[in-house]
N, C-alpha and C. Protein backbone atom coordinates (compact mmCIF):
# COMPACT_ATOMS: atom_id res chain seq x y z
N MET A 1 -57.26 -36.96 -81.85
CA MET A 1 -57.10 -35.93 -81.04
C MET A 1 -56.45 -35.68 -79.96
N THR A 2 -55.56 -34.88 -80.20
CA THR A 2 -54.92 -34.48 -78.63
C THR A 2 -55.74 -33.54 -77.91
N ARG A 3 -55.42 -33.95 -76.79
CA ARG A 3 -56.51 -33.11 -75.78
C ARG A 3 -55.30 -32.08 -75.35
N THR A 4 -55.78 -30.90 -75.21
CA THR A 4 -55.30 -30.12 -74.84
C THR A 4 -54.96 -29.99 -72.80
N THR A 5 -53.55 -29.59 -72.39
CA THR A 5 -53.73 -29.40 -70.97
C THR A 5 -54.10 -28.38 -70.55
N LEU A 6 -53.86 -28.52 -68.89
CA LEU A 6 -54.45 -26.69 -68.74
C LEU A 6 -53.43 -26.05 -68.68
N LYS A 7 -51.70 -26.33 -68.68
CA LYS A 7 -50.79 -25.68 -68.57
C LYS A 7 -50.89 -25.08 -69.88
N SER A 8 -50.84 -26.03 -71.25
CA SER A 8 -50.99 -25.06 -72.47
C SER A 8 -51.87 -24.02 -72.92
N PHE A 9 -53.41 -24.75 -72.01
CA PHE A 9 -54.32 -23.65 -72.56
C PHE A 9 -54.28 -22.40 -71.61
N LYS A 10 -53.43 -22.56 -70.53
CA LYS A 10 -53.40 -21.32 -69.66
C LYS A 10 -52.45 -20.14 -70.20
N LYS A 11 -50.91 -21.07 -70.75
CA LYS A 11 -50.51 -20.30 -71.80
C LYS A 11 -50.77 -19.73 -73.04
N LYS A 12 -51.64 -20.21 -73.41
CA LYS A 12 -52.04 -19.52 -74.92
C LYS A 12 -53.25 -18.84 -74.69
N ALA A 13 -53.78 -18.63 -73.46
CA ALA A 13 -54.98 -17.81 -72.85
C ALA A 13 -54.27 -16.36 -72.62
N LEU A 14 -52.98 -16.40 -71.69
CA LEU A 14 -52.85 -15.33 -70.94
C LEU A 14 -51.69 -14.25 -71.82
N LYS A 15 -51.91 -15.20 -73.36
CA LYS A 15 -51.07 -13.94 -74.29
C LYS A 15 -52.28 -13.07 -74.97
N ARG A 16 -53.69 -13.07 -74.71
CA ARG A 16 -54.60 -12.46 -74.90
C ARG A 16 -54.36 -11.43 -74.14
N PRO A 17 -54.10 -10.17 -74.36
CA PRO A 17 -54.35 -8.74 -73.19
C PRO A 17 -55.74 -9.09 -72.02
N GLY A 18 -56.67 -8.97 -72.92
CA GLY A 18 -57.61 -8.96 -71.90
C GLY A 18 -57.70 -10.22 -70.51
N VAL A 19 -57.43 -11.38 -71.51
CA VAL A 19 -57.19 -12.44 -70.36
C VAL A 19 -56.48 -12.33 -69.39
N LYS A 20 -55.12 -11.86 -70.09
CA LYS A 20 -53.80 -11.16 -69.25
C LYS A 20 -54.29 -10.16 -68.00
N ASN A 21 -54.71 -9.33 -68.32
CA ASN A 21 -55.19 -8.28 -67.31
C ASN A 21 -56.41 -9.08 -66.32
N GLN A 22 -57.02 -9.75 -66.54
CA GLN A 22 -58.13 -10.20 -65.43
C GLN A 22 -57.39 -11.34 -64.73
N TYR A 23 -56.29 -11.85 -65.84
CA TYR A 23 -55.99 -13.08 -64.42
C TYR A 23 -55.05 -11.99 -63.29
N ASP A 24 -54.03 -11.19 -63.97
CA ASP A 24 -53.35 -10.23 -63.14
C ASP A 24 -54.36 -9.78 -61.88
N GLU A 25 -55.62 -9.05 -62.11
CA GLU A 25 -56.36 -8.38 -61.16
C GLU A 25 -56.77 -9.52 -60.35
N LEU A 26 -57.21 -10.78 -60.95
CA LEU A 26 -57.43 -11.73 -59.96
C LEU A 26 -56.78 -12.58 -59.10
N SER A 27 -55.29 -12.01 -59.29
CA SER A 27 -54.52 -13.10 -58.94
C SER A 27 -54.36 -13.17 -57.06
N PRO A 28 -53.61 -12.13 -56.72
CA PRO A 28 -54.05 -11.80 -55.49
C PRO A 28 -54.99 -11.91 -54.39
N ALA A 29 -56.30 -11.91 -54.70
CA ALA A 29 -57.28 -12.72 -54.85
C ALA A 29 -57.32 -13.89 -54.26
N TYR A 30 -57.14 -14.92 -55.27
CA TYR A 30 -56.43 -16.25 -55.64
C TYR A 30 -55.45 -17.11 -54.40
N GLU A 31 -54.51 -15.71 -54.86
CA GLU A 31 -53.74 -16.58 -53.93
C GLU A 31 -53.55 -16.47 -52.43
N LEU A 32 -54.80 -15.00 -51.84
CA LEU A 32 -54.67 -14.79 -50.55
C LEU A 32 -55.78 -16.07 -49.91
N ARG A 33 -56.73 -16.79 -50.97
CA ARG A 33 -57.48 -17.74 -50.63
C ARG A 33 -56.86 -18.83 -50.74
N LYS A 34 -55.59 -19.42 -51.24
CA LYS A 34 -55.18 -20.51 -51.11
C LYS A 34 -54.52 -20.41 -49.80
N LYS A 35 -53.63 -19.19 -49.62
CA LYS A 35 -53.16 -19.44 -48.62
C LYS A 35 -53.85 -19.70 -47.04
N LEU A 36 -54.59 -18.94 -47.19
CA LEU A 36 -55.39 -19.22 -46.02
C LEU A 36 -55.97 -20.52 -45.89
N VAL A 37 -56.24 -21.19 -46.57
CA VAL A 37 -56.98 -22.72 -46.55
C VAL A 37 -55.50 -23.70 -46.11
N SER A 38 -54.13 -22.90 -46.88
CA SER A 38 -52.99 -23.70 -46.22
C SER A 38 -52.86 -24.07 -45.16
N LEU A 39 -52.73 -22.24 -44.60
CA LEU A 39 -52.57 -22.22 -42.81
C LEU A 39 -53.27 -22.60 -41.80
N ARG A 40 -54.91 -22.55 -42.36
CA ARG A 40 -55.72 -23.40 -41.54
C ARG A 40 -55.09 -24.83 -41.21
N GLN A 41 -55.41 -25.57 -42.64
CA GLN A 41 -55.09 -26.92 -42.67
C GLN A 41 -53.63 -27.10 -41.63
N ASP A 42 -52.89 -26.37 -42.19
CA ASP A 42 -51.07 -26.35 -41.23
C ASP A 42 -51.38 -26.34 -39.50
N ALA A 43 -52.51 -25.39 -39.61
CA ALA A 43 -53.05 -25.53 -38.10
C ALA A 43 -53.49 -26.77 -37.41
N GLY A 44 -54.15 -27.31 -38.36
CA GLY A 44 -54.55 -28.70 -37.92
C GLY A 44 -56.19 -28.60 -37.58
N LEU A 45 -56.47 -27.46 -38.38
CA LEU A 45 -58.37 -27.07 -37.79
C LEU A 45 -58.76 -27.16 -39.27
N THR A 46 -60.30 -27.31 -38.58
CA THR A 46 -61.32 -27.74 -40.05
C THR A 46 -61.61 -26.10 -40.16
N GLN A 47 -62.73 -26.05 -41.04
CA GLN A 47 -63.15 -25.09 -40.95
C GLN A 47 -64.59 -24.75 -39.97
N GLU A 48 -65.05 -25.97 -39.36
CA GLU A 48 -65.93 -25.97 -38.73
C GLU A 48 -65.16 -25.44 -37.04
N GLN A 49 -63.95 -25.80 -36.96
CA GLN A 49 -63.41 -25.29 -35.78
C GLN A 49 -63.10 -23.94 -35.96
N VAL A 50 -62.86 -23.65 -37.04
CA VAL A 50 -62.26 -21.78 -37.25
C VAL A 50 -63.92 -21.25 -36.98
N ALA A 51 -64.85 -21.78 -37.78
CA ALA A 51 -66.25 -21.15 -37.73
C ALA A 51 -66.60 -21.12 -36.01
N ASP A 52 -66.21 -21.97 -35.30
CA ASP A 52 -66.56 -21.88 -33.98
C ASP A 52 -65.75 -21.00 -33.28
N LYS A 53 -64.36 -20.73 -33.29
CA LYS A 53 -63.75 -19.64 -32.67
C LYS A 53 -64.20 -18.34 -33.06
N LEU A 54 -64.89 -18.19 -33.96
CA LEU A 54 -65.37 -16.73 -34.54
C LEU A 54 -66.91 -16.66 -34.76
N HIS A 55 -67.41 -17.91 -33.83
CA HIS A 55 -69.06 -17.52 -33.18
C HIS A 55 -69.63 -17.46 -34.84
N THR A 56 -69.46 -18.00 -35.68
CA THR A 56 -70.00 -18.35 -37.15
C THR A 56 -70.48 -19.37 -37.80
N ASN A 57 -70.79 -19.54 -38.89
CA ASN A 57 -71.57 -20.38 -39.73
C ASN A 57 -70.09 -21.18 -40.37
N LYS A 58 -69.70 -22.24 -40.39
CA LYS A 58 -68.86 -23.15 -41.59
C LYS A 58 -68.98 -22.33 -42.73
N SER A 59 -70.15 -22.25 -43.32
CA SER A 59 -70.37 -22.00 -44.65
C SER A 59 -69.96 -20.45 -45.02
N ASN A 60 -70.09 -19.62 -43.89
CA ASN A 60 -68.99 -18.31 -43.99
C ASN A 60 -67.54 -18.45 -44.25
N ILE A 61 -67.39 -19.41 -43.60
CA ILE A 61 -65.67 -19.72 -43.40
C ILE A 61 -65.29 -20.48 -44.99
N SER A 62 -65.98 -21.02 -45.17
CA SER A 62 -66.13 -21.81 -47.00
C SER A 62 -66.03 -20.63 -47.83
N ARG A 63 -66.75 -20.19 -47.80
CA ARG A 63 -67.27 -18.67 -48.63
C ARG A 63 -66.02 -17.85 -48.44
N LEU A 64 -65.13 -17.50 -47.33
CA LEU A 64 -63.89 -16.72 -47.18
C LEU A 64 -62.78 -17.42 -48.17
N GLU A 65 -62.77 -18.72 -48.05
CA GLU A 65 -61.74 -19.50 -48.48
C GLU A 65 -62.13 -19.81 -50.11
N SER A 66 -62.88 -19.85 -50.51
CA SER A 66 -63.06 -20.42 -51.86
C SER A 66 -62.52 -19.18 -52.74
N VAL A 67 -61.84 -19.80 -53.94
CA VAL A 67 -61.29 -19.03 -55.03
C VAL A 67 -62.29 -18.79 -55.83
N ASN A 68 -63.62 -19.35 -55.69
CA ASN A 68 -64.65 -18.90 -56.46
C ASN A 68 -65.69 -17.99 -56.13
N SER A 69 -65.36 -17.46 -54.83
CA SER A 69 -66.20 -16.72 -54.25
C SER A 69 -66.05 -15.53 -54.47
N ASN A 70 -66.91 -14.53 -54.67
CA ASN A 70 -66.49 -13.25 -55.05
C ASN A 70 -67.00 -12.08 -54.14
N ILE A 71 -67.16 -12.63 -52.96
CA ILE A 71 -67.23 -11.56 -52.01
C ILE A 71 -65.64 -11.08 -51.41
N SER A 72 -65.53 -10.09 -51.14
CA SER A 72 -64.21 -9.42 -50.71
C SER A 72 -63.75 -9.02 -49.10
N PRO A 73 -63.61 -10.34 -48.62
CA PRO A 73 -63.11 -9.80 -46.90
C PRO A 73 -62.84 -8.50 -46.62
N THR A 74 -63.35 -7.91 -45.59
CA THR A 74 -62.65 -6.79 -45.04
C THR A 74 -61.51 -7.27 -44.61
N LEU A 75 -60.66 -5.96 -43.74
CA LEU A 75 -59.71 -6.53 -43.36
C LEU A 75 -59.61 -7.23 -41.63
N SER A 76 -60.75 -6.47 -41.18
CA SER A 76 -61.03 -6.87 -39.92
C SER A 76 -61.69 -8.32 -39.90
N THR A 77 -62.28 -8.84 -40.76
CA THR A 77 -62.68 -9.95 -40.91
C THR A 77 -61.18 -11.24 -40.87
N LEU A 78 -60.20 -10.59 -41.98
CA LEU A 78 -59.05 -11.41 -42.29
C LEU A 78 -58.30 -11.24 -40.95
N THR A 79 -58.18 -10.37 -40.60
CA THR A 79 -57.64 -9.81 -38.88
C THR A 79 -58.08 -11.15 -38.14
N GLU A 80 -59.53 -11.20 -37.57
CA GLU A 80 -60.23 -12.29 -36.91
C GLU A 80 -59.60 -13.71 -37.28
N TYR A 81 -59.84 -13.83 -38.72
CA TYR A 81 -59.33 -15.29 -38.85
C TYR A 81 -57.91 -16.11 -38.83
N ALA A 82 -57.21 -14.52 -39.06
CA ALA A 82 -55.79 -15.03 -38.37
C ALA A 82 -55.18 -15.67 -37.23
N GLU A 83 -55.95 -14.55 -36.49
CA GLU A 83 -55.73 -14.83 -35.17
C GLU A 83 -56.25 -16.28 -34.61
N ALA A 84 -57.54 -16.56 -35.34
CA ALA A 84 -58.32 -17.95 -35.07
C ALA A 84 -57.71 -19.11 -35.40
N ILE A 85 -56.33 -18.95 -36.39
CA ILE A 85 -55.43 -20.10 -36.82
C ILE A 85 -54.11 -19.92 -36.19
N GLY A 86 -53.79 -18.88 -35.61
CA GLY A 86 -52.51 -18.74 -34.81
C GLY A 86 -51.61 -17.57 -35.75
N TYR A 87 -52.30 -16.65 -36.49
CA TYR A 87 -51.92 -15.91 -37.58
C TYR A 87 -51.96 -14.78 -36.75
N LYS A 88 -51.38 -13.67 -37.36
CA LYS A 88 -51.51 -12.03 -37.32
C LYS A 88 -51.33 -11.59 -38.59
N ILE A 89 -51.54 -10.75 -39.30
CA ILE A 89 -51.93 -10.04 -40.35
C ILE A 89 -50.60 -9.26 -40.20
N LYS A 90 -49.79 -9.09 -41.52
CA LYS A 90 -49.16 -8.28 -41.98
C LYS A 90 -49.39 -7.94 -43.60
N ILE A 91 -49.54 -6.47 -43.69
CA ILE A 91 -49.60 -5.91 -45.01
C ILE A 91 -47.90 -5.34 -45.87
N ASP A 92 -48.36 -5.88 -46.74
CA ASP A 92 -46.98 -5.38 -47.77
C ASP A 92 -47.46 -4.62 -49.01
N LEU A 93 -47.04 -3.49 -49.09
CA LEU A 93 -47.42 -3.17 -50.54
C LEU A 93 -45.96 -3.02 -51.48
N VAL A 94 -45.86 -3.56 -52.86
CA VAL A 94 -44.91 -3.77 -53.47
C VAL A 94 -45.19 -2.98 -54.85
N PRO A 95 -43.92 -2.37 -55.51
CA PRO A 95 -44.32 -1.92 -56.78
C PRO A 95 -44.49 -2.58 -57.98
N LYS A 96 -45.49 -2.29 -58.40
CA LYS A 96 -45.97 -3.27 -60.02
C LYS A 96 -44.37 -3.44 -60.76
N LYS A 97 -44.50 -3.75 -61.86
CA LYS A 97 -43.47 -4.39 -62.65
C LYS A 97 -43.10 -3.43 -63.29
N GLY A 98 -41.92 -2.80 -63.29
CA GLY A 98 -41.44 -1.91 -64.76
C GLY A 98 -41.53 -0.52 -63.96
N ARG A 99 -41.93 -0.53 -62.32
CA ARG A 99 -42.59 0.59 -61.58
C ARG A 99 -41.04 0.39 -60.37
N LYS A 100 -40.53 2.13 -60.40
CA LYS A 100 -39.24 1.93 -59.49
C LYS A 100 -39.69 1.93 -58.22
N HIS A 101 -39.42 2.05 -57.17
CA HIS A 101 -39.82 2.53 -55.76
C HIS A 101 -39.99 3.75 -55.66
N ASN A 102 -40.82 4.43 -54.74
CA ASN A 102 -40.36 5.81 -54.88
C ASN A 102 -39.94 6.63 -53.46
N ASP A 103 -38.28 6.32 -53.52
CA ASP A 103 -37.63 6.73 -52.53
C ASP A 103 -38.02 7.76 -51.75
N GLY A 104 -38.71 8.91 -51.76
CA GLY A 104 -39.18 9.96 -51.42
C GLY A 104 -40.46 9.74 -49.96
N ILE A 105 -41.22 8.50 -50.54
CA ILE A 105 -42.16 7.72 -49.92
C ILE A 105 -41.12 7.21 -48.71
N GLN A 106 -40.29 6.54 -49.33
CA GLN A 106 -39.41 5.36 -48.10
C GLN A 106 -38.98 6.35 -47.02
N ARG A 107 -38.60 7.30 -47.44
CA ARG A 107 -37.67 8.34 -46.42
C ARG A 107 -38.93 9.16 -45.85
N THR A 108 -39.73 9.52 -46.19
CA THR A 108 -40.79 9.83 -45.24
C THR A 108 -41.26 9.19 -44.14
N ALA A 109 -41.28 7.97 -44.54
CA ALA A 109 -41.99 6.99 -43.44
C ALA A 109 -40.51 6.78 -42.33
N GLN A 110 -39.69 6.80 -42.76
CA GLN A 110 -38.39 6.73 -41.82
C GLN A 110 -38.14 7.36 -41.01
N GLN A 111 -38.35 9.10 -41.49
CA GLN A 111 -38.19 10.22 -40.91
C GLN A 111 -39.51 9.79 -39.76
N ARG A 112 -41.11 9.52 -40.00
CA ARG A 112 -41.96 9.63 -39.50
C ARG A 112 -41.53 8.55 -38.20
N ASP A 113 -41.12 7.49 -38.14
CA ASP A 113 -40.79 6.36 -37.08
C ASP A 113 -39.62 6.58 -36.45
N ARG A 114 -38.83 7.91 -36.53
CA ARG A 114 -37.84 8.44 -35.79
C ARG A 114 -38.33 8.71 -34.22
């Protein structure tokens, strides 16, 4: 019997519309959490050190970084975390696949910034 690899299982599962939709919905949260861990490690900090900087418990940092967590961190929490590891928050909205960018919104923003 041949053992299924994770890659082939994922490819097959993502062909199912319900699975694909759920995967796409969870992807940004998963990517954010992976990035938090990576940036913290690149900064040479442990979860304990970040917790100390934020005056919280290590378990709260662990939960924030966990891809299995079902909490949604607030923008202020993410901002504080970013500052604790030497970063700042930058938010960007991008059009969904197949959707064109609305130039009217862009022009309005540019006019406002003048």
